[in-house]
Amino acid sequence: MSDQNVRNAGFSPSGIKGGSLASSMMSHEAKASGGGVRSGGPTSTLQEMGARGSTHSSGFTSSGISSASQASQMMSREARSHGGGTPRGGTTSTVQSISMGGKGGRH
């Protein structure tokens, strides 16, 4: 289900769909960073998954983050850089929220 949730949000093999949650996220992230979307951020991470057509290989699943996965490593790095927790609106929480059918925490 998480693959479909990522597509439903507007992240696809052909790019970000106009008028979608994905386009809203991209706009918000670009404005916040002064005009660009950073590599490794929520929008680029989700678009990479949408282009690939799979979230499972990275460890983001509809039931949570798989242990010993790319997602769990991302979560650990983000938690360390924020003093022990993953922030709302950060890459890990946003990608996991979208994977589970949510709106990414901010949108």
PDB file of N, CA and C in Angstrom:
ATOM      1  N   MET A   1       0.807  -1.201   0.000  1.00  0.00           N
ATOM      2  CA  MET A   1       0.000   0.000   0.000  1.00  0.00           C
ATOM      3  C   MET A   1       0.850   1.264   0.000  1.00  0.00           C
ATOM      4  N   SER A   2       2.037   1.233   0.592  1.00  0.00           N
ATOM      5  CA  SER A   2       2.818   2.463   0.670  1.00  0.00           C
ATOM      6  C   SER A   2       3.238   2.961  -0.704  1.00  0.00           C
ATOM      7  N   ASP A   3       3.495   2.043  -1.665  1.00  0.00           N
ATOM      8  CA  ASP A   3       3.834   2.481  -3.024  1.00  0.00           C
ATOM      9  C   ASP A   3       2.686   3.294  -3.620  1.00  0.00           C
ATOM     10  N   GLN A   4       1.469   2.802  -3.448  1.00  0.00           N
ATOM     11  CA  GLN A   4       0.292   3.498  -3.972  1.00  0.00           C
ATOM     12  C   GLN A   4       0.107   4.849  -3.271  1.00  0.00           C
ATOM     13  N   ASN A   5       0.378   4.905  -1.985  1.00  0.00           N
ATOM     14  CA  ASN A   5       0.246   6.167  -1.252  1.00  0.00           C
ATOM     15  C   ASN A   5       1.213   7.224  -1.783  1.00  0.00           C
ATOM     16  N   VAL A   6       2.421   6.806  -2.111  1.00  0.00           N
ATOM     17  CA  VAL A   6       3.405   7.737  -2.670  1.00  0.00           C
ATOM     18  C   VAL A   6       2.919   8.233  -4.028  1.00  0.00           C
ATOM     19  N   ARG A   7       2.400   7.342  -4.864  1.00  0.00           N
ATOM     20  CA  ARG A   7       1.852   7.754  -6.166  1.00  0.00           C
ATOM     21  C   ARG A   7       0.639   8.665  -5.976  1.00  0.00           C
ATOM     22  N   ASN A   8      -0.240   8.309  -5.031  1.00  0.00           N
ATOM     23  CA  ASN A   8      -1.430   9.134  -4.779  1.00  0.00           C
ATOM     24  C   ASN A   8      -1.066  10.550  -4.358  1.00  0.00           C
ATOM     25  N   ALA A   9       0.054  10.704  -3.687  1.00  0.00           N
ATOM     26  CA  ALA A   9       0.507  12.028  -3.250  1.00  0.00           C
ATOM     27  C   ALA A   9       1.057  12.851  -4.420  1.00  0.00           C
ATOM     28  N   GLY A  10       1.315  12.200  -5.564  1.00  0.00           N
ATOM     29  CA  GLY A  10       1.774  12.922  -6.742  1.00  0.00           C
ATOM     30  C   GLY A  10       3.216  12.684  -7.142  1.00  0.00           C
ATOM     31  N   PHE A  11       3.870  11.715  -6.526  1.00  0.00           N
ATOM     32  CA  PHE A  11       5.251  11.365  -6.877  1.00  0.00           C
ATOM     33  C   PHE A  11       5.186  10.185  -7.839  1.00  0.00           C
ATOM     34  N   SER A  12       5.684  10.374  -9.070  1.00  0.00           N
ATOM     35  CA  SER A  12       5.514   9.333 -10.084  1.00  0.00           C
ATOM     36  C   SER A  12       6.761   9.172 -10.945  1.00  0.00           C
ATOM     37  N   PRO A  13       6.805   8.096 -11.738  1.00  0.00           N
ATOM     38  CA  PRO A  13       7.942   7.902 -12.644  1.00  0.00           C
ATOM     39  C   PRO A  13       8.111   9.050 -13.644  1.00  0.00           C
ATOM     40  N   SER A  14       7.031   9.742 -13.960  1.00  0.00           N
ATOM     41  CA  SER A  14       7.125  10.849 -14.916  1.00  0.00           C
ATOM     42  C   SER A  14       7.343  12.204 -14.240  1.00  0.00           C
ATOM     43  N   GLY A  15       7.513  12.213 -12.925  1.00  0.00           N
ATOM     44  CA  GLY A  15       7.770  13.458 -12.210  1.00  0.00           C
ATOM     45  C   GLY A  15       6.656  13.804 -11.245  1.00  0.00           C
ATOM     46  N   ILE A  16       6.755  14.966 -10.643  1.00  0.00           N
ATOM     47  CA  ILE A  16       5.770  15.438  -9.674  1.00  0.00           C
ATOM     48  C   ILE A  16       4.556  15.972 -10.418  1.00  0.00           C
ATOM     49  N   LYS A  17       3.387  15.512 -10.025  1.00  0.00           N
ATOM     50  CA  LYS A  17       2.152  15.911 -10.693  1.00  0.00           C
ATOM     51  C   LYS A  17       1.692  17.275 -10.194  1.00  0.00           C
ATOM     52  N   GLY A  18       1.351  18.145 -11.130  1.00  0.00           N
ATOM     53  CA  GLY A  18       0.855  19.478 -10.805  1.00  0.00           C
ATOM     54  C   GLY A  18      -0.429  19.412  -9.997  1.00  0.00           C
ATOM     55  N   GLY A  19      -0.593  20.327  -9.052  1.00  0.00           N
ATOM     56  CA  GLY A  19      -1.798  20.400  -8.240  1.00  0.00           C
ATOM     57  C   GLY A  19      -1.902  19.340  -7.165  1.00  0.00           C
ATOM     58  N   SER A  20      -0.844  18.571  -6.963  1.00  0.00           N
ATOM     59  CA  SER A  20      -0.862  17.470  -5.996  1.00  0.00           C
ATOM     60  C   SER A  20      -0.217  17.881  -4.672  1.00  0.00           C
ATOM     61  N   LEU A  21      -0.334  16.998  -3.694  1.00  0.00           N
ATOM     62  CA  LEU A  21       0.373  17.186  -2.428  1.00  0.00           C
ATOM     63  C   LEU A  21       1.873  17.293  -2.697  1.00  0.00           C
ATOM     64  N   ALA A  22       2.374  16.495  -3.624  1.00  0.00           N
ATOM     65  CA  ALA A  22       3.800  16.534  -3.968  1.00  0.00           C
ATOM     66  C   ALA A  22       4.219  17.920  -4.457  1.00  0.00           C
ATOM     67  N   SER A  23       3.402  18.534  -5.318  1.00  0.00           N
ATOM     68  CA  SER A  23       3.756  19.866  -5.823  1.00  0.00           C
ATOM     69  C   SER A  23       3.687  20.908  -4.716  1.00  0.00           C
ATOM     70  N   SER A  24       2.754  20.750  -3.795  1.00  0.00           N
ATOM     71  CA  SER A  24       2.664  21.654  -2.648  1.00  0.00           C
ATOM     72  C   SER A  24       3.903  21.515  -1.761  1.00  0.00           C
ATOM     73  N   MET A  25       4.319  20.275  -1.524  1.00  0.00           N
ATOM     74  CA  MET A  25       5.521  20.030  -0.723  1.00  0.00           C
ATOM     75  C   MET A  25       6.749  20.641  -1.395  1.00  0.00           C
ATOM     76  N   MET A  26       6.859  20.429  -2.712  1.00  0.00           N
ATOM     77  CA  MET A  26       8.005  20.948  -3.446  1.00  0.00           C
ATOM     78  C   MET A  26       8.047  22.472  -3.360  1.00  0.00           C
ATOM     79  N   SER A  27       6.916  23.117  -3.526  1.00  0.00           N
ATOM     80  CA  SER A  27       6.844  24.570  -3.448  1.00  0.00           C
ATOM     81  C   SER A  27       7.245  25.064  -2.059  1.00  0.00           C
ATOM     82  N   HIS A  28       6.683  24.444  -1.026  1.00  0.00           N
ATOM     83  CA  HIS A  28       6.981  24.831   0.353  1.00  0.00           C
ATOM     84  C   HIS A  28       8.474  24.662   0.659  1.00  0.00           C
ATOM     85  N   GLU A  29       9.020  23.516   0.256  1.00  0.00           N
ATOM     86  CA  GLU A  29      10.425  23.244   0.535  1.00  0.00           C
ATOM     87  C   GLU A  29      11.337  24.206  -0.232  1.00  0.00           C
ATOM     88  N   ALA A  30      10.998  24.508  -1.481  1.00  0.00           N
ATOM     89  CA  ALA A  30      11.809  25.434  -2.275  1.00  0.00           C
ATOM     90  C   ALA A  30      11.791  26.833  -1.669  1.00  0.00           C
ATOM     91  N   LYS A  31      10.629  27.296  -1.246  1.00  0.00           N
ATOM     92  CA  LYS A  31      10.532  28.623  -0.626  1.00  0.00           C
ATOM     93  C   LYS A  31      11.335  28.678   0.666  1.00  0.00           C
ATOM     94  N   ALA A  32      11.249  27.614   1.468  1.00  0.00           N
ATOM     95  CA  ALA A  32      11.950  27.570   2.755  1.00  0.00           C
ATOM     96  C   ALA A  32      13.467  27.548   2.586  1.00  0.00           C
ATOM     97  N   SER A  33      13.941  27.014   1.462  1.00  0.00           N
ATOM     98  CA  SER A  33      15.392  26.908   1.271  1.00  0.00           C
ATOM     99  C   SER A  33      15.941  27.966   0.313  1.00  0.00           C
ATOM    100  N   GLY A  34      15.140  28.943  -0.033  1.00  0.00           N
ATOM    101  CA  GLY A  34      15.609  30.026  -0.870  1.00  0.00           C
ATOM    102  C   GLY A  34      15.537  29.761  -2.368  1.00  0.00           C
ATOM    103  N   GLY A  35      14.725  28.800  -2.780  1.00  0.00           N
ATOM    104  CA  GLY A  35      14.502  28.616  -4.209  1.00  0.00           C
ATOM    105  C   GLY A  35      14.781  27.248  -4.769  1.00  0.00           C
ATOM    106  N   GLY A  36      15.347  26.352  -4.001  1.00  0.00           N
ATOM    107  CA  GLY A  36      15.646  25.013  -4.511  1.00  0.00           C
ATOM    108  C   GLY A  36      15.175  23.936  -3.558  1.00  0.00           C
ATOM    109  N   VAL A  37      15.105  22.741  -4.064  1.00  0.00           N
ATOM    110  CA  VAL A  37      14.759  21.580  -3.247  1.00  0.00           C
ATOM    111  C   VAL A  37      16.045  20.810  -3.004  1.00  0.00           C
ATOM    112  N   ARG A  38      16.390  20.630  -1.739  1.00  0.00           N
ATOM    113  CA  ARG A  38      17.688  20.023  -1.433  1.00  0.00           C
ATOM    114  C   ARG A  38      17.687  18.512  -1.646  1.00  0.00           C
ATOM    115  N   SER A  39      18.809  18.023  -2.079  1.00  0.00           N
ATOM    116  CA  SER A  39      19.013  16.589  -2.227  1.00  0.00           C
ATOM    117  C   SER A  39      18.942  15.937  -0.851  1.00  0.00           C
ATOM    118  N   GLY A  40      18.224  14.837  -0.743  1.00  0.00           N
ATOM    119  CA  GLY A  40      18.091  14.146   0.535  1.00  0.00           C
ATOM    120  C   GLY A  40      16.959  14.643   1.394  1.00  0.00           C
ATOM    121  N   GLY A  41      16.278  15.705   0.971  1.00  0.00           N
ATOM    122  CA  GLY A  41      15.133  16.222   1.704  1.00  0.00           C
ATOM    123  C   GLY A  41      13.884  15.416   1.403  1.00  0.00           C
ATOM    124  N   PRO A  42      12.770  15.767   2.039  1.00  0.00           N
ATOM    125  CA  PRO A  42      11.535  14.999   1.853  1.00  0.00           C
ATOM    126  C   PRO A  42      11.068  14.911   0.402  1.00  0.00           C
ATOM    127  N   THR A  43      11.064  16.026  -0.313  1.00  0.00           N
ATOM    128  CA  THR A  43      10.565  16.018  -1.688  1.00  0.00           C
ATOM    129  C   THR A  43      11.442  15.162  -2.592  1.00  0.00           C
ATOM    130  N   SER A  44      12.750  15.344  -2.526  1.00  0.00           N
ATOM    131  CA  SER A  44      13.630  14.566  -3.402  1.00  0.00           C
ATOM    132  C   SER A  44      13.622  13.090  -3.037  1.00  0.00           C
ATOM    133  N   THR A  45      13.536  12.771  -1.753  1.00  0.00           N
ATOM    134  CA  THR A  45      13.490  11.370  -1.323  1.00  0.00           C
ATOM    135  C   THR A  45      12.217  10.694  -1.830  1.00  0.00           C
ATOM    136  N   LEU A  46      11.084  11.363  -1.670  1.00  0.00           N
ATOM    137  CA  LEU A  46       9.823  10.790  -2.138  1.00  0.00           C
ATOM    138  C   LEU A  46       9.772  10.704  -3.657  1.00  0.00           C
ATOM    139  N   GLN A  47      10.317  11.696  -4.355  1.00  0.00           N
ATOM    140  CA  GLN A  47      10.310  11.634  -5.822  1.00  0.00           C
ATOM    141  C   GLN A  47      11.187  10.492  -6.311  1.00  0.00           C
ATOM    142  N   GLU A  48      12.294  10.269  -5.642  1.00  0.00           N
ATOM    143  CA  GLU A  48      13.149   9.131  -6.007  1.00  0.00           C
ATOM    144  C   GLU A  48      12.369   7.822  -5.862  1.00  0.00           C
ATOM    145  N   MET A  49      11.614   7.691  -4.787  1.00  0.00           N
ATOM    146  CA  MET A  49      10.792   6.496  -4.588  1.00  0.00           C
ATOM    147  C   MET A  49       9.689   6.397  -5.634  1.00  0.00           C
ATOM    148  N   GLY A  50       9.060   7.526  -5.936  1.00  0.00           N
ATOM    149  CA  GLY A  50       8.003   7.538  -6.943  1.00  0.00           C
ATOM    150  C   GLY A  50       8.529   7.175  -8.318  1.00  0.00           C
ATOM    151  N   ALA A  51       9.717   7.658  -8.650  1.00  0.00           N
ATOM    152  CA  ALA A  51      10.319   7.356  -9.941  1.00  0.00           C
ATOM    153  C   ALA A  51      10.686   5.878 -10.033  1.00  0.00           C
ATOM    154  N   ARG A  52      11.155   5.329  -8.928  1.00  0.00           N
ATOM    155  CA  ARG A  52      11.547   3.922  -8.867  1.00  0.00           C
ATOM    156  C   ARG A  52      10.315   3.022  -8.799  1.00  0.00           C
ATOM    157  N   GLY A  53       9.222   3.556  -8.254  1.00  0.00           N
ATOM    158  CA  GLY A  53       7.992   2.782  -8.131  1.00  0.00           C
ATOM    159  C   GLY A  53       7.952   1.873  -6.924  1.00  0.00           C
ATOM    160  N   SER A  54       8.882   2.069  -5.987  1.00  0.00           N
ATOM    161  CA  SER A  54       8.893   1.202  -4.811  1.00  0.00           C
ATOM    162  C   SER A  54       9.437   1.926  -3.587  1.00  0.00           C
ATOM    163  N   THR A  55       8.724   1.792  -2.486  1.00  0.00           N
ATOM    164  CA  THR A  55       9.195   2.317  -1.207  1.00  0.00           C
ATOM    165  C   THR A  55       9.760   1.196  -0.344  1.00  0.00           C
ATOM    166  N   HIS A  56       9.340  -0.032  -0.610  1.00  0.00           N
ATOM    167  CA  HIS A  56       9.705  -1.156   0.251  1.00  0.00           C
ATOM    168  C   HIS A  56      11.202  -1.431   0.288  1.00  0.00           C
ATOM    169  N   SER A  57      11.886  -1.272  -0.842  1.00  0.00           N
ATOM    170  CA  SER A  57      13.321  -1.545  -0.859  1.00  0.00           C
ATOM    171  C   SER A  57      14.091  -0.592   0.044  1.00  0.00           C
ATOM    172  N   SER A  58      13.527   0.578   0.318  1.00  0.00           N
ATOM    173  CA  SER A  58      14.197   1.536   1.192  1.00  0.00           C
ATOM    174  C   SER A  58      13.832   1.351   2.660  1.00  0.00           C
ATOM    175  N   GLY A  59      12.766   0.580   2.938  1.00  0.00           N
ATOM    176  CA  GLY A  59      12.380   0.317   4.320  1.00  0.00           C
ATOM    177  C   GLY A  59      11.217   1.125   4.837  1.00  0.00           C
ATOM    178  N   PHE A  60      10.643   2.007   4.030  1.00  0.00           N
ATOM    179  CA  PHE A  60       9.444   2.739   4.413  1.00  0.00           C
ATOM    180  C   PHE A  60       8.256   1.886   3.988  1.00  0.00           C
ATOM    181  N   THR A  61       7.473   1.409   4.936  1.00  0.00           N
ATOM    182  CA  THR A  61       6.343   0.534   4.619  1.00  0.00           C
ATOM    183  C   THR A  61       5.076   1.084   5.260  1.00  0.00           C
ATOM    184  N   SER A  62       3.949   0.544   4.861  1.00  0.00           N
ATOM    185  CA  SER A  62       2.675   1.009   5.418  1.00  0.00           C
ATOM    186  C   SER A  62       2.507   0.619   6.881  1.00  0.00           C
ATOM    187  N   SER A  63       3.346  -0.278   7.381  1.00  0.00           N
ATOM    188  CA  SER A  63       3.261  -0.656   8.795  1.00  0.00           C
ATOM    189  C   SER A  63       4.388  -0.059   9.633  1.00  0.00           C
ATOM    190  N   GLY A  64       5.233   0.760   9.031  1.00  0.00           N
ATOM    191  CA  GLY A  64       6.309   1.408   9.773  1.00  0.00           C
ATOM    192  C   GLY A  64       7.649   1.253   9.082  1.00  0.00           C
ATOM    193  N   ILE A  65       8.687   1.670   9.742  1.00  0.00           N
ATOM    194  CA  ILE A  65      10.043   1.599   9.193  1.00  0.00           C
ATOM    195  C   ILE A  65      10.638   0.238   9.519  1.00  0.00           C
ATOM    196  N   SER A  66      11.159  -0.421   8.488  1.00  0.00           N
ATOM    197  CA  SER A  66      11.778  -1.736   8.664  1.00  0.00           C
ATOM    198  C   SER A  66      13.134  -1.595   9.341  1.00  0.00           C
ATOM    199  N   SER A  67      13.423  -2.509  10.259  1.00  0.00           N
ATOM    200  CA  SER A  67      14.715  -2.468  10.939  1.00  0.00           C
ATOM    201  C   SER A  67      15.830  -2.826   9.966  1.00  0.00           C
ATOM    202  N   ALA A  68      17.011  -2.335  10.230  1.00  0.00           N
ATOM    203  CA  ALA A  68      18.207  -2.584   9.425  1.00  0.00           C
ATOM    204  C   ALA A  68      18.022  -2.185   7.959  1.00  0.00           C
ATOM    205  N   SER A  69      17.242  -1.156   7.704  1.00  0.00           N
ATOM    206  CA  SER A  69      16.976  -0.688   6.336  1.00  0.00           C
ATOM    207  C   SER A  69      17.584   0.684   6.118  1.00  0.00           C
ATOM    208  N   GLN A  70      17.534   1.145   4.867  1.00  0.00           N
ATOM    209  CA  GLN A  70      17.956   2.508   4.545  1.00  0.00           C
ATOM    210  C   GLN A  70      17.124   3.506   5.350  1.00  0.00           C
ATOM    211  N   ALA A  71      15.835   3.229   5.502  1.00  0.00           N
ATOM    212  CA  ALA A  71      14.954   4.120   6.266  1.00  0.00           C
ATOM    213  C   ALA A  71      15.374   4.194   7.733  1.00  0.00           C
ATOM    214  N   SER A  72      15.721   3.052   8.325  1.00  0.00           N
ATOM    215  CA  SER A  72      16.120   3.077   9.735  1.00  0.00           C
ATOM    216  C   SER A  72      17.449   3.797   9.917  1.00  0.00           C
ATOM    217  N   GLN A  73      18.349   3.669   8.948  1.00  0.00           N
ATOM    218  CA  GLN A  73      19.610   4.410   9.009  1.00  0.00           C
ATOM    219  C   GLN A  73      19.369   5.906   8.883  1.00  0.00           C
ATOM    220  N   MET A  74      18.449   6.285   7.996  1.00  0.00           N
ATOM    221  CA  MET A  74      18.095   7.694   7.826  1.00  0.00           C
ATOM    222  C   MET A  74      17.508   8.242   9.125  1.00  0.00           C
ATOM    223  N   MET A  75      16.622   7.473   9.735  1.00  0.00           N
ATOM    224  CA  MET A  75      15.988   7.893  10.977  1.00  0.00           C
ATOM    225  C   MET A  75      17.043   8.070  12.080  1.00  0.00           C
ATOM    226  N   SER A  76      17.990   7.148  12.176  1.00  0.00           N
ATOM    227  CA  SER A  76      19.043   7.241  13.195  1.00  0.00           C
ATOM    228  C   SER A  76      19.910   8.480  12.988  1.00  0.00           C
ATOM    229  N   ARG A  77      20.307   8.732  11.733  1.00  0.00           N
ATOM    230  CA  ARG A  77      21.131   9.930  11.449  1.00  0.00           C
ATOM    231  C   ARG A  77      20.375  11.201  11.803  1.00  0.00           C
ATOM    232  N   GLU A  78      19.103  11.253  11.414  1.00  0.00           N
ATOM    233  CA  GLU A  78      18.315  12.454  11.676  1.00  0.00           C
ATOM    234  C   GLU A  78      18.107  12.652  13.185  1.00  0.00           C
ATOM    235  N   ALA A  79      17.862  11.563  13.902  1.00  0.00           N
ATOM    236  CA  ALA A  79      17.679  11.659  15.355  1.00  0.00           C
ATOM    237  C   ALA A  79      18.954  12.145  16.036  1.00  0.00           C
ATOM    238  N   ARG A  80      20.100  11.613  15.619  1.00  0.00           N
ATOM    239  CA  ARG A  80      21.375  12.058  16.216  1.00  0.00           C
ATOM    240  C   ARG A  80      21.605  13.540  15.959  1.00  0.00           C
ATOM    241  N   SER A  81      21.291  13.997  14.758  1.00  0.00           N
ATOM    242  CA  SER A  81      21.548  15.403  14.434  1.00  0.00           C
ATOM    243  C   SER A  81      20.569  16.351  15.119  1.00  0.00           C
ATOM    244  N   HIS A  82      19.485  15.813  15.676  1.00  0.00           N
ATOM    245  CA  HIS A  82      18.494  16.646  16.375  1.00  0.00           C
ATOM    246  C   HIS A  82      18.418  16.310  17.864  1.00  0.00           C
ATOM    247  N   GLY A  83      19.471  15.761  18.400  1.00  0.00           N
ATOM    248  CA  GLY A  83      19.540  15.524  19.830  1.00  0.00           C
ATOM    249  C   GLY A  83      18.717  14.349  20.339  1.00  0.00           C
ATOM    250  N   GLY A  84      18.392  13.405  19.476  1.00  0.00           N
ATOM    251  CA  GLY A  84      17.737  12.190  19.947  1.00  0.00           C
ATOM    252  C   GLY A  84      16.355  11.903  19.396  1.00  0.00           C
ATOM    253  N   GLY A  85      15.756  12.806  18.669  1.00  0.00           N
ATOM    254  CA  GLY A  85      14.420  12.564  18.123  1.00  0.00           C
ATOM    255  C   GLY A  85      14.327  13.024  16.688  1.00  0.00           C
ATOM    256  N   THR A  86      13.394  12.460  15.947  1.00  0.00           N
ATOM    257  CA  THR A  86      13.181  12.918  14.574  1.00  0.00           C
ATOM    258  C   THR A  86      12.117  14.008  14.599  1.00  0.00           C
ATOM    259  N   PRO A  87      12.443  15.170  14.050  1.00  0.00           N
ATOM    260  CA  PRO A  87      11.518  16.303  14.130  1.00  0.00           C
ATOM    261  C   PRO A  87      10.316  16.149  13.196  1.00  0.00           C
ATOM    262  N   ARG A  88       9.198  16.638  13.638  1.00  0.00           N
ATOM    263  CA  ARG A  88       8.018  16.705  12.774  1.00  0.00           C
ATOM    264  C   ARG A  88       8.383  17.568  11.569  1.00  0.00           C
ATOM    265  N   GLY A  89       8.028  17.107  10.390  1.00  0.00           N
ATOM    266  CA  GLY A  89       8.359  17.836   9.177  1.00  0.00           C
ATOM    267  C   GLY A  89       9.733  17.524   8.640  1.00  0.00           C
ATOM    268  N   GLY A  90      10.511  16.701   9.356  1.00  0.00           N
ATOM    269  CA  GLY A  90      11.815  16.278   8.861  1.00  0.00           C
ATOM    270  C   GLY A  90      11.653  15.230   7.764  1.00  0.00           C
ATOM    271  N   THR A  91      12.756  14.863   7.164  1.00  0.00           N
ATOM    272  CA  THR A  91      12.713  13.915   6.053  1.00  0.00           C
ATOM    273  C   THR A  91      12.100  12.583   6.469  1.00  0.00           C
ATOM    274  N   THR A  92      12.576  11.986   7.550  1.00  0.00           N
ATOM    275  CA  THR A  92      12.089  10.673   7.950  1.00  0.00           C
ATOM    276  C   THR A  92      10.604  10.684   8.261  1.00  0.00           C
ATOM    277  N   SER A  93      10.160  11.614   9.075  1.00  0.00           N
ATOM    278  CA  SER A  93       8.744  11.634   9.454  1.00  0.00           C
ATOM    279  C   SER A  93       7.844  11.956   8.270  1.00  0.00           C
ATOM    280  N   THR A  94       8.288  12.830   7.386  1.00  0.00           N
ATOM    281  CA  THR A  94       7.487  13.184   6.218  1.00  0.00           C
ATOM    282  C   THR A  94       7.364  12.008   5.261  1.00  0.00           C
ATOM    283  N   VAL A  95       8.486  11.357   4.959  1.00  0.00           N
ATOM    284  CA  VAL A  95       8.455  10.207   4.044  1.00  0.00           C
ATOM    285  C   VAL A  95       7.621   9.083   4.631  1.00  0.00           C
ATOM    286  N   GLN A  96       7.771   8.808   5.919  1.00  0.00           N
ATOM    287  CA  GLN A  96       6.981   7.736   6.537  1.00  0.00           C
ATOM    288  C   GLN A  96       5.500   8.084   6.547  1.00  0.00           C
ATOM    289  N   SER A  97       5.165   9.327   6.817  1.00  0.00           N
ATOM    290  CA  SER A  97       3.765   9.739   6.814  1.00  0.00           C
ATOM    291  C   SER A  97       3.131   9.531   5.442  1.00  0.00           C
ATOM    292  N   ILE A  98       3.804   9.978   4.399  1.00  0.00           N
ATOM    293  CA  ILE A  98       3.292   9.798   3.032  1.00  0.00           C
ATOM    294  C   ILE A  98       3.176   8.312   2.707  1.00  0.00           C
ATOM    295  N   SER A  99       4.161   7.528   3.101  1.00  0.00           N
ATOM    296  CA  SER A  99       4.142   6.085   2.836  1.00  0.00           C
ATOM    297  C   SER A  99       2.936   5.407   3.471  1.00  0.00           C
ATOM    298  N   MET A 100       2.474   5.965   4.586  1.00  0.00           N
ATOM    299  CA  MET A 100       1.339   5.390   5.294  1.00  0.00           C
ATOM    300  C   MET A 100       0.011   6.042   4.887  1.00  0.00           C
ATOM    301  N   GLY A 101       0.053   6.927   3.903  1.00  0.00           N
ATOM    302  CA  GLY A 101      -1.180   7.545   3.412  1.00  0.00           C
ATOM    303  C   GLY A 101      -1.509   8.889   4.031  1.00  0.00           C
ATOM    304  N   GLY A 102      -0.567   9.429   4.817  1.00  0.00           N
ATOM    305  CA  GLY A 102      -0.784  10.727   5.456  1.00  0.00           C
ATOM    306  C   GLY A 102      -0.410  11.877   4.539  1.00  0.00           C
ATOM    307  N   LYS A 103      -0.345  13.046   5.109  1.00  0.00           N
ATOM    308  CA  LYS A 103      -0.078  14.257   4.341  1.00  0.00           C
ATOM    309  C   LYS A 103       1.310  14.829   4.626  1.00  0.00           C
ATOM    310  N   GLY A 104       2.143  14.087   5.301  1.00  0.00           N
ATOM    311  CA  GLY A 104       3.518  14.538   5.488  1.00  0.00           C
ATOM    312  C   GLY A 104       3.749  15.450   6.669  1.00  0.00           C
ATOM    313  N   GLY A 105       2.786  15.665   7.519  1.00  0.00           N
ATOM    314  CA  GLY A 105       3.002  16.423   8.736  1.00  0.00           C
ATOM    315  C   GLY A 105       2.810  17.930   8.635  1.00  0.00           C
ATOM    316  N   ARG A 106       2.981  18.532   7.470  1.00  0.00           N
ATOM    317  CA  ARG A 106       2.889  19.989   7.357  1.00  0.00           C
ATOM    318  C   ARG A 106       1.811  20.414   6.369  1.00  0.00           C
ATOM    319  N   HIS A 107       1.356  19.532   5.546  1.00  0.00           N
ATOM    320  CA  HIS A 107       0.548  19.958   4.393  1.00  0.00           C
ATOM    321  C   HIS A 107      -0.868  19.469   4.499  1.00  0.00           C
TER     322      HIS A 107
END
